[in-house]
Amino acid sequence: MQRQTRTVLLGAFAAAALTALGAIGWVALTPTPAQTAEDHMPTPPQPPRLADGPEFERCLGLLRNDPEAARAFAEAWGRAGGGEGARQCQALALLSLGEPALAAQRLETLATQSAASSLARAAVYAQATQAWLMAGEANRAYGAATLALTLSPEDVDLLVDRAVTLGSLSRYNEAIEDLDRALALDPNRAEALVFRAAANRHMDRVDLSARDIERALQSDPASAEALLERGIIRQLRGDTVGAREDWQRAITLSPNSPTADLAAQNLALNEAGPARR
């Protein structure tokens, strides 16, 4: 299933800084409203969708550039009988406007009540998953991701989404199980390899983590997330110079992103030395 929502998770992925550098968790999934609206707008997928037609396309166009106007349009469209398309666009506008919990609740309700196909409903549950993560509600995100997988059990993106929620809950073994399934379906999926590397590192399986990161970089040499994680692994192994190079490269490849922020934090802590950690 093709989903632009994938960028929310990848753009926000922060593979966790070293314990030695001051651990800051497995993922950072709280982009600001401005980041969400401008850089990571989770617009609906290509077919199957809940709705189609000129009104829906107009709402999506507004959503990308003016979420407040999209919300107003969706509300008016809904009053005129816009149905599920209007409800979905309105929920996504709320997400762009910095109300992820309200957006998540509406998306989840919509996916539950919709008469659309299983795949279309799964895509809406996936959007609810990411909105719950952005709201800091990992347990609710896990529930939505599980409902999505019930409808589309072999969707690689959905498996990765749920693995992220499990990692947010420190349930790393379960996250690895989902990522193993995802990689069995798509062995070269770089983000799945990066997430599995982070999970294995949290389980003190650094050799497995390093192996996955090298595979991820073979698949996508420009993956800032993979470089962030490889820098952490290199630092754990005592390769401070290599770690610094990876983090600097991650910043260059993905400036003004949560990944770049974490890389910069790691660089600063690295430069400060053991006395400042």
C-alpha atoms as a PDB file:
ATOM      1  CA  MET A   1       0.000   0.000   0.000  1.00  0.00           C
ATOM      2  CA  GLN A   2       1.499   3.340  -1.069  1.00  0.00           C
ATOM      3  CA  ARG A   3       1.181   5.910   1.695  1.00  0.00           C
ATOM      4  CA  GLN A   4       2.577   9.414   1.977  1.00  0.00           C
ATOM      5  CA  THR A   5       2.056   8.997   5.716  1.00  0.00           C
ATOM      6  CA  ARG A   6       5.251   6.938   5.756  1.00  0.00           C
ATOM      7  CA  THR A   7       7.176  10.232   5.856  1.00  0.00           C
ATOM      8  CA  VAL A   8       5.775  11.057   9.274  1.00  0.00           C
ATOM      9  CA  LEU A   9       7.369   8.037  10.846  1.00  0.00           C
ATOM     10  CA  LEU A  10      10.635   8.227   8.970  1.00  0.00           C
ATOM     11  CA  GLY A  11      11.006  11.944   9.290  1.00  0.00           C
ATOM     12  CA  ALA A  12      10.393  11.719  13.015  1.00  0.00           C
ATOM     13  CA  PHE A  13      12.422   8.579  13.635  1.00  0.00           C
ATOM     14  CA  ALA A  14      15.099   9.085  16.244  1.00  0.00           C
ATOM     15  CA  ALA A  15      16.852   5.808  16.794  1.00  0.00           C
ATOM     16  CA  ALA A  16      17.814   6.708  20.369  1.00  0.00           C
ATOM     17  CA  ALA A  17      21.029   8.242  21.484  1.00  0.00           C
ATOM     18  CA  LEU A  18      23.622   6.206  23.305  1.00  0.00           C
ATOM     19  CA  THR A  19      23.088   5.383  26.920  1.00  0.00           C
ATOM     20  CA  ALA A  20      26.632   6.659  27.383  1.00  0.00           C
ATOM     21  CA  LEU A  21      25.608   9.955  25.806  1.00  0.00           C
ATOM     22  CA  GLY A  22      22.379  10.338  27.722  1.00  0.00           C
ATOM     23  CA  ALA A  23      19.559   8.143  26.449  1.00  0.00           C
ATOM     24  CA  ILE A  24      16.587   9.936  24.930  1.00  0.00           C
ATOM     25  CA  GLY A  25      14.349   7.051  23.951  1.00  0.00           C
ATOM     26  CA  TRP A  26      13.785   4.849  20.931  1.00  0.00           C
ATOM     27  CA  VAL A  27      11.752   7.251  18.799  1.00  0.00           C
ATOM     28  CA  ALA A  28      10.815  10.904  18.759  1.00  0.00           C
ATOM     29  CA  LEU A  29       7.379  11.116  17.202  1.00  0.00           C
ATOM     30  CA  THR A  30       6.262  14.590  18.159  1.00  0.00           C
ATOM     31  CA  PRO A  31       6.817  16.894  15.185  1.00  0.00           C
ATOM     32  CA  THR A  32       5.578  20.427  15.671  1.00  0.00           C
ATOM     33  CA  PRO A  33       2.343  21.485  13.967  1.00  0.00           C
ATOM     34  CA  ALA A  34       4.381  23.481  11.469  1.00  0.00           C
ATOM     35  CA  GLN A  35       6.510  20.462  10.609  1.00  0.00           C
ATOM     36  CA  THR A  36       3.412  18.332  10.204  1.00  0.00           C
ATOM     37  CA  ALA A  37       1.641  20.782   7.953  1.00  0.00           C
ATOM     38  CA  GLU A  38       4.580  21.738   5.786  1.00  0.00           C
ATOM     39  CA  ASP A  39       6.775  18.690   5.627  1.00  0.00           C
ATOM     40  CA  HIS A  40       4.909  15.566   6.709  1.00  0.00           C
ATOM     41  CA  MET A  41       1.291  15.969   5.692  1.00  0.00           C
ATOM     42  CA  PRO A  42      -0.248  12.482   5.849  1.00  0.00           C
ATOM     43  CA  THR A  43      -2.554  12.811   2.858  1.00  0.00           C
ATOM     44  CA  PRO A  44      -4.717   9.861   1.810  1.00  0.00           C
ATOM     45  CA  PRO A  45      -3.170   7.197  -0.406  1.00  0.00           C
ATOM     46  CA  GLN A  46      -3.786   6.414  -4.012  1.00  0.00           C
ATOM     47  CA  PRO A  47      -6.740   4.053  -4.555  1.00  0.00           C
ATOM     48  CA  PRO A  48      -8.228   2.343  -2.659  1.00  0.00           C
ATOM     49  CA  ARG A  49      -9.509   5.468  -0.854  1.00  0.00           C
ATOM     50  CA  LEU A  50     -12.550   6.270   1.204  1.00  0.00           C
ATOM     51  CA  ALA A  51     -13.626   8.842  -1.383  1.00  0.00           C
ATOM     52  CA  ASP A  52     -12.784  10.270  -4.788  1.00  0.00           C
ATOM     53  CA  GLY A  53     -14.021  13.135  -6.917  1.00  0.00           C
ATOM     54  CA  PRO A  54     -13.313  16.839  -7.420  1.00  0.00           C
ATOM     55  CA  GLU A  55     -14.351  17.918  -3.917  1.00  0.00           C
ATOM     56  CA  PHE A  56     -11.998  15.425  -2.321  1.00  0.00           C
ATOM     57  CA  GLU A  57      -9.130  16.489  -4.582  1.00  0.00           C
ATOM     58  CA  ARG A  58      -9.804  20.136  -3.809  1.00  0.00           C
ATOM     59  CA  CYS A  59      -9.767  19.414  -0.081  1.00  0.00           C
ATOM     60  CA  LEU A  60      -6.457  17.568  -0.409  1.00  0.00           C
ATOM     61  CA  GLY A  61      -4.981  20.490  -2.344  1.00  0.00           C
ATOM     62  CA  LEU A  62      -5.996  22.880   0.412  1.00  0.00           C
ATOM     63  CA  LEU A  63      -4.704  20.465   3.022  1.00  0.00           C
ATOM     64  CA  ARG A  64      -1.197  20.599   1.599  1.00  0.00           C
ATOM     65  CA  ASN A  65      -1.019  24.391   1.534  1.00  0.00           C
ATOM     66  CA  ASP A  66      -3.642  25.854   3.880  1.00  0.00           C
ATOM     67  CA  PRO A  67      -4.973  23.401   6.489  1.00  0.00           C
ATOM     68  CA  GLU A  68      -7.254  26.023   8.052  1.00  0.00           C
ATOM     69  CA  ALA A  69      -8.939  26.527   4.693  1.00  0.00           C
ATOM     70  CA  ALA A  70      -9.095  22.743   4.274  1.00  0.00           C
ATOM     71  CA  ARG A  71     -10.896  22.399   7.586  1.00  0.00           C
ATOM     72  CA  ALA A  72     -13.422  25.074   6.637  1.00  0.00           C
ATOM     73  CA  PHE A  73     -13.979  23.484   3.244  1.00  0.00           C
ATOM     74  CA  ALA A  74     -14.373  20.010   4.760  1.00  0.00           C
ATOM     75  CA  GLU A  75     -16.905  21.277   7.305  1.00  0.00           C
ATOM     76  CA  ALA A  76     -18.991  22.959   4.579  1.00  0.00           C
ATOM     77  CA  TRP A  77     -18.653  19.927   2.336  1.00  0.00           C
ATOM     78  CA  GLY A  78     -19.735  17.673   5.179  1.00  0.00           C
ATOM     79  CA  ARG A  79     -22.875  19.745   5.777  1.00  0.00           C
ATOM     80  CA  ALA A  80     -23.632  19.400   2.071  1.00  0.00           C
ATOM     81  CA  GLY A  81     -23.388  15.604   2.223  1.00  0.00           C
ATOM     82  CA  GLY A  82     -19.636  15.123   1.727  1.00  0.00           C
ATOM     83  CA  GLY A  83     -19.705  11.940   3.801  1.00  0.00           C
ATOM     84  CA  GLU A  84     -16.558   9.986   4.579  1.00  0.00           C
ATOM     85  CA  GLY A  85     -14.285  12.033   2.336  1.00  0.00           C
ATOM     86  CA  ALA A  86     -15.220  15.226   4.133  1.00  0.00           C
ATOM     87  CA  ARG A  87     -14.748  13.598   7.532  1.00  0.00           C
ATOM     88  CA  GLN A  88     -11.318  12.272   6.605  1.00  0.00           C
ATOM     89  CA  CYS A  89     -10.122  15.584   5.200  1.00  0.00           C
ATOM     90  CA  GLN A  90     -11.396  17.434   8.266  1.00  0.00           C
ATOM     91  CA  ALA A  91      -9.548  15.041  10.597  1.00  0.00           C
ATOM     92  CA  LEU A  92      -6.311  15.458   8.635  1.00  0.00           C
ATOM     93  CA  ALA A  93      -6.715  19.233   8.740  1.00  0.00           C
ATOM     94  CA  LEU A  94      -6.961  18.999  12.531  1.00  0.00           C
ATOM     95  CA  LEU A  95      -3.757  16.983  12.540  1.00  0.00           C
ATOM     96  CA  SER A  96      -2.001  19.671  10.496  1.00  0.00           C
ATOM     97  CA  LEU A  97      -3.320  22.338  12.836  1.00  0.00           C
ATOM     98  CA  GLY A  98      -1.713  20.731  15.874  1.00  0.00           C
ATOM     99  CA  GLU A  99      -4.595  18.682  17.293  1.00  0.00           C
ATOM    100  CA  PRO A 100      -3.306  15.126  16.830  1.00  0.00           C
ATOM    101  CA  ALA A 101      -5.354  13.466  19.595  1.00  0.00           C
ATOM    102  CA  LEU A 102      -8.645  14.810  18.227  1.00  0.00           C
ATOM    103  CA  ALA A 103      -7.580  13.906  14.695  1.00  0.00           C
ATOM    104  CA  ALA A 104      -6.606  10.395  15.766  1.00  0.00           C
ATOM    105  CA  GLN A 105      -9.936   9.784  17.483  1.00  0.00           C
ATOM    106  CA  ARG A 106     -11.869  10.946  14.427  1.00  0.00           C
ATOM    107  CA  LEU A 107      -9.767   8.886  12.030  1.00  0.00           C
ATOM    108  CA  GLU A 108     -10.126   5.765  14.155  1.00  0.00           C
ATOM    109  CA  THR A 109     -13.896   6.223  14.428  1.00  0.00           C
ATOM    110  CA  LEU A 110     -14.119   6.798  10.692  1.00  0.00           C
ATOM    111  CA  ALA A 111     -12.147   3.649   9.908  1.00  0.00           C
ATOM    112  CA  THR A 112     -14.373   1.628  12.249  1.00  0.00           C
ATOM    113  CA  GLN A 113     -17.641   2.925  10.818  1.00  0.00           C
ATOM    114  CA  SER A 114     -16.694   3.115   7.136  1.00  0.00           C
ATOM    115  CA  ALA A 115     -18.356   0.913   4.539  1.00  0.00           C
ATOM    116  CA  ALA A 116     -15.288   1.182   2.288  1.00  0.00           C
ATOM    117  CA  SER A 117     -12.984  -1.689   1.350  1.00  0.00           C
ATOM    118  CA  SER A 118     -10.729  -3.350   3.891  1.00  0.00           C
ATOM    119  CA  LEU A 119      -7.617  -1.830   2.331  1.00  0.00           C
ATOM    120  CA  ALA A 120      -9.060   1.690   2.381  1.00  0.00           C
ATOM    121  CA  ARG A 121     -10.075   1.304   6.024  1.00  0.00           C
ATOM    122  CA  ALA A 122      -6.629  -0.056   6.880  1.00  0.00           C
ATOM    123  CA  ALA A 123      -5.068   3.089   5.397  1.00  0.00           C
ATOM    124  CA  VAL A 124      -7.241   5.272   7.659  1.00  0.00           C
ATOM    125  CA  TYR A 125      -6.334   3.193  10.714  1.00  0.00           C
ATOM    126  CA  ALA A 126      -2.694   3.740   9.706  1.00  0.00           C
ATOM    127  CA  GLN A 127      -3.242   7.499   9.716  1.00  0.00           C
ATOM    128  CA  ALA A 128      -4.849   7.174  13.143  1.00  0.00           C
ATOM    129  CA  THR A 129      -1.799   5.221  14.310  1.00  0.00           C
ATOM    130  CA  GLN A 130       0.539   8.002  13.350  1.00  0.00           C
ATOM    131  CA  ALA A 131      -1.714  10.696  14.777  1.00  0.00           C
ATOM    132  CA  TRP A 132      -1.826   8.855  18.135  1.00  0.00           C
ATOM    133  CA  LEU A 133       1.979   8.643  18.095  1.00  0.00           C
ATOM    134  CA  MET A 134       2.203  12.352  17.420  1.00  0.00           C
ATOM    135  CA  ALA A 135      -0.133  12.883  20.383  1.00  0.00           C
ATOM    136  CA  GLY A 136       2.154  10.815  22.609  1.00  0.00           C
ATOM    137  CA  GLU A 137      -0.395   8.000  22.950  1.00  0.00           C
ATOM    138  CA  ALA A 138       1.640   4.919  22.073  1.00  0.00           C
ATOM    139  CA  ASN A 139      -0.885   2.436  23.503  1.00  0.00           C
ATOM    140  CA  ARG A 140      -3.681   3.932  21.412  1.00  0.00           C
ATOM    141  CA  ALA A 141      -1.357   3.885  18.394  1.00  0.00           C
ATOM    142  CA  TYR A 142      -0.660   0.196  18.960  1.00  0.00           C
ATOM    143  CA  GLY A 143      -4.377  -0.543  19.039  1.00  0.00           C
ATOM    144  CA  ALA A 144      -5.016   1.322  15.781  1.00  0.00           C
ATOM    145  CA  ALA A 145      -2.054  -0.366  14.082  1.00  0.00           C
ATOM    146  CA  THR A 146      -3.310  -3.773  15.158  1.00  0.00           C
ATOM    147  CA  LEU A 147      -6.755  -3.044  13.721  1.00  0.00           C
ATOM    148  CA  ALA A 148      -5.113  -1.977  10.463  1.00  0.00           C
ATOM    149  CA  LEU A 149      -3.149  -5.222  10.279  1.00  0.00           C
ATOM    150  CA  THR A 150      -6.306  -7.220  10.907  1.00  0.00           C
ATOM    151  CA  LEU A 151      -7.625  -5.763   7.652  1.00  0.00           C
ATOM    152  CA  SER A 152      -4.340  -5.961   5.713  1.00  0.00           C
ATOM    153  CA  PRO A 153      -2.042  -8.469   7.451  1.00  0.00           C
ATOM    154  CA  GLU A 154       0.753  -8.499   4.858  1.00  0.00           C
ATOM    155  CA  ASP A 155       1.150  -4.746   4.444  1.00  0.00           C
ATOM    156  CA  VAL A 156       4.817  -3.978   5.058  1.00  0.00           C
ATOM    157  CA  ASP A 157       4.160  -0.335   5.941  1.00  0.00           C
ATOM    158  CA  LEU A 158       1.611  -1.334   8.561  1.00  0.00           C
ATOM    159  CA  LEU A 159       3.999  -3.844  10.091  1.00  0.00           C
ATOM    160  CA  VAL A 160       6.665  -1.150  10.349  1.00  0.00           C
ATOM    161  CA  ASP A 161       4.133   1.272  11.847  1.00  0.00           C
ATOM    162  CA  ARG A 162       3.197  -1.191  14.573  1.00  0.00           C
ATOM    163  CA  ALA A 163       6.839  -1.971  15.254  1.00  0.00           C
ATOM    164  CA  VAL A 164       7.377   1.738  15.911  1.00  0.00           C
ATOM    165  CA  THR A 165       4.550   1.771  18.437  1.00  0.00           C
ATOM    166  CA  LEU A 166       5.981  -1.310  20.147  1.00  0.00           C
ATOM    167  CA  GLY A 167       9.407   0.288  20.317  1.00  0.00           C
ATOM    168  CA  SER A 168       7.841   3.399  21.847  1.00  0.00           C
ATOM    169  CA  LEU A 169       6.489   1.087  24.556  1.00  0.00           C
ATOM    170  CA  SER A 170       9.920  -0.586  25.037  1.00  0.00           C
ATOM    171  CA  ARG A 171       8.454  -3.865  23.740  1.00  0.00           C
ATOM    172  CA  TYR A 172      11.488  -4.526  21.585  1.00  0.00           C
ATOM    173  CA  ASN A 173      11.131  -8.284  21.117  1.00  0.00           C
ATOM    174  CA  GLU A 174       7.616  -7.816  19.748  1.00  0.00           C
ATOM    175  CA  ALA A 175       8.817  -4.973  17.541  1.00  0.00           C
ATOM    176  CA  ILE A 176      11.473  -7.275  16.111  1.00  0.00           C
ATOM    177  CA  GLU A 177       8.820  -9.909  15.370  1.00  0.00           C
ATOM    178  CA  ASP A 178       6.846  -7.400  13.276  1.00  0.00           C
ATOM    179  CA  LEU A 179      10.006  -6.216  11.542  1.00  0.00           C
ATOM    180  CA  ASP A 180      11.035  -9.795  10.790  1.00  0.00           C
ATOM    181  CA  ARG A 181       7.651 -10.253   9.082  1.00  0.00           C
ATOM    182  CA  ALA A 182       8.058  -7.016   7.165  1.00  0.00           C
ATOM    183  CA  LEU A 183      11.535  -7.957   5.967  1.00  0.00           C
ATOM    184  CA  ALA A 184      10.402 -11.425   4.955  1.00  0.00           C
ATOM    185  CA  LEU A 185       7.977  -9.651   2.610  1.00  0.00           C
ATOM    186  CA  ASP A 186      10.421  -6.938   1.504  1.00  0.00           C
ATOM    187  CA  PRO A 187      14.035  -7.851   2.379  1.00  0.00           C
ATOM    188  CA  ASN A 188      15.508  -4.545   1.234  1.00  0.00           C
ATOM    189  CA  ARG A 189      13.157  -2.145   3.037  1.00  0.00           C
ATOM    190  CA  ALA A 190      15.692   0.276   4.516  1.00  0.00           C
ATOM    191  CA  GLU A 191      13.498   1.772   7.237  1.00  0.00           C
ATOM    192  CA  ALA A 192      12.548  -1.683   8.515  1.00  0.00           C
ATOM    193  CA  LEU A 193      16.225  -2.583   8.752  1.00  0.00           C
ATOM    194  CA  VAL A 194      16.963   0.641  10.639  1.00  0.00           C
ATOM    195  CA  PHE A 195      14.145   0.073  13.121  1.00  0.00           C
ATOM    196  CA  ARG A 196      15.231  -3.537  13.678  1.00  0.00           C
ATOM    197  CA  ALA A 197      18.806  -2.386  14.212  1.00  0.00           C
ATOM    198  CA  ALA A 198      17.632   0.070  16.869  1.00  0.00           C
ATOM    199  CA  ALA A 199      15.522  -2.599  18.565  1.00  0.00           C
ATOM    200  CA  ASN A 200      18.390  -5.090  18.617  1.00  0.00           C
ATOM    201  CA  ARG A 201      20.726  -2.444  20.008  1.00  0.00           C
ATOM    202  CA  HIS A 202      18.308  -1.830  22.857  1.00  0.00           C
ATOM    203  CA  MET A 203      18.467  -5.573  23.511  1.00  0.00           C
ATOM    204  CA  ASP A 204      22.294  -5.361  23.616  1.00  0.00           C
ATOM    205  CA  ARG A 205      22.639  -7.273  20.358  1.00  0.00           C
ATOM    206  CA  VAL A 206      24.996  -4.793  18.755  1.00  0.00           C
ATOM    207  CA  ASP A 207      26.421  -7.217  16.184  1.00  0.00           C
ATOM    208  CA  LEU A 208      22.933  -7.899  14.797  1.00  0.00           C
ATOM    209  CA  SER A 209      22.230  -4.184  14.828  1.00  0.00           C
ATOM    210  CA  ALA A 210      25.393  -3.412  12.880  1.00  0.00           C
ATOM    211  CA  ARG A 211      24.559  -6.056  10.304  1.00  0.00           C
ATOM    212  CA  ASP A 212      21.121  -4.580   9.651  1.00  0.00           C
ATOM    213  CA  ILE A 213      22.508  -1.062   9.356  1.00  0.00           C
ATOM    214  CA  GLU A 214      25.012  -2.092   6.717  1.00  0.00           C
ATOM    215  CA  ARG A 215      22.173  -3.741   4.783  1.00  0.00           C
ATOM    216  CA  ALA A 216      20.072  -0.592   5.135  1.00  0.00           C
ATOM    217  CA  LEU A 217      22.864   1.591   3.795  1.00  0.00           C
ATOM    218  CA  GLN A 218      23.427  -0.764   0.883  1.00  0.00           C
ATOM    219  CA  SER A 219      19.748  -0.395   0.050  1.00  0.00           C
ATOM    220  CA  ASP A 220      19.645   3.373   0.676  1.00  0.00           C
ATOM    221  CA  PRO A 221      23.071   5.030   1.017  1.00  0.00           C
ATOM    222  CA  ALA A 222      21.420   8.409   1.653  1.00  0.00           C
ATOM    223  CA  SER A 223      19.351   7.263   4.649  1.00  0.00           C
ATOM    224  CA  ALA A 224      19.955   9.822   7.401  1.00  0.00           C
ATOM    225  CA  GLU A 225      18.223   7.525   9.897  1.00  0.00           C
ATOM    226  CA  ALA A 226      20.592   4.672   9.077  1.00  0.00           C
ATOM    227  CA  LEU A 227      23.592   6.980   9.455  1.00  0.00           C
ATOM    228  CA  LEU A 228      22.305   8.204  12.817  1.00  0.00           C
ATOM    229  CA  GLU A 229      22.003   4.617  14.019  1.00  0.00           C
ATOM    230  CA  ARG A 230      25.370   3.568  12.596  1.00  0.00           C
ATOM    231  CA  GLY A 231      26.969   6.491  14.398  1.00  0.00           C
ATOM    232  CA  ILE A 232      25.504   5.240  17.671  1.00  0.00           C
ATOM    233  CA  ILE A 233      26.821   1.736  16.997  1.00  0.00           C
ATOM    234  CA  ARG A 234      30.261   3.067  16.093  1.00  0.00           C
ATOM    235  CA  GLN A 235      30.369   5.120  19.285  1.00  0.00           C
ATOM    236  CA  LEU A 236      29.431   2.031  21.297  1.00  0.00           C
ATOM    237  CA  ARG A 237      32.347   0.235  19.677  1.00  0.00           C
ATOM    238  CA  GLY A 238      34.771   3.043  20.494  1.00  0.00           C
ATOM    239  CA  ASP A 239      34.959   4.531  16.988  1.00  0.00           C
ATOM    240  CA  THR A 240      34.397   8.169  17.932  1.00  0.00           C
ATOM    241  CA  VAL A 241      35.711   9.533  14.638  1.00  0.00           C
ATOM    242  CA  GLY A 242      33.441   7.274  12.578  1.00  0.00           C
ATOM    243  CA  ALA A 243      30.450   8.145  14.750  1.00  0.00           C
ATOM    244  CA  ARG A 244      31.067  11.847  14.268  1.00  0.00           C
ATOM    245  CA  GLU A 245      31.327  11.427  10.492  1.00  0.00           C
ATOM    246  CA  ASP A 246      28.022   9.534  10.364  1.00  0.00           C
ATOM    247  CA  TRP A 247      26.172  12.107  12.460  1.00  0.00           C
ATOM    248  CA  GLN A 248      27.530  15.015  10.426  1.00  0.00           C
ATOM    249  CA  ARG A 249      26.478  13.245   7.233  1.00  0.00           C
ATOM    250  CA  ALA A 250      22.990  12.631   8.661  1.00  0.00           C
ATOM    251  CA  ILE A 251      22.618  16.359   9.350  1.00  0.00           C
ATOM    252  CA  THR A 252      23.738  17.208   5.822  1.00  0.00           C
ATOM    253  CA  LEU A 253      21.302  14.751   4.255  1.00  0.00           C
ATOM    254  CA  SER A 254      18.281  15.665   6.388  1.00  0.00           C
ATOM    255  CA  PRO A 255      18.645  19.189   7.781  1.00  0.00           C
ATOM    256  CA  ASN A 256      15.914  20.697   9.944  1.00  0.00           C
ATOM    257  CA  SER A 257      14.565  17.255  10.851  1.00  0.00           C
ATOM    258  CA  PRO A 258      14.221  15.351  14.145  1.00  0.00           C
ATOM    259  CA  THR A 259      16.939  12.996  12.882  1.00  0.00           C
ATOM    260  CA  ALA A 260      19.289  15.937  12.366  1.00  0.00           C
ATOM    261  CA  ASP A 261      18.400  17.273  15.823  1.00  0.00           C
ATOM    262  CA  LEU A 262      19.380  13.987  17.452  1.00  0.00           C
ATOM    263  CA  ALA A 263      22.572  13.750  15.424  1.00  0.00           C
ATOM    264  CA  ALA A 264      23.469  17.284  16.537  1.00  0.00           C
ATOM    265  CA  GLN A 265      22.762  16.399  20.176  1.00  0.00           C
ATOM    266  CA  ASN A 266      24.995  13.357  19.902  1.00  0.00           C
ATOM    267  CA  LEU A 267      27.759  15.436  18.320  1.00  0.00           C
ATOM    268  CA  ALA A 268      27.528  18.004  21.105  1.00  0.00           C
ATOM    269  CA  LEU A 269      27.672  15.340  23.803  1.00  0.00           C
ATOM    270  CA  ASN A 270      30.524  13.635  22.005  1.00  0.00           C
ATOM    271  CA  GLU A 271      32.498  16.871  21.888  1.00  0.00           C
ATOM    272  CA  ALA A 272      31.774  17.605  25.551  1.00  0.00           C
ATOM    273  CA  GLY A 273      33.534  14.402  26.561  1.00  0.00           C
ATOM    274  CA  PRO A 274      32.866  11.935  29.381  1.00  0.00           C
ATOM    275  CA  ALA A 275      32.837  14.601  32.073  1.00  0.00           C
ATOM    276  CA  ARG A 276      29.751  16.238  30.532  1.00  0.00           C
ATOM    277  CA  ARG A 277      27.777  13.055  29.816  1.00  0.00           C
END
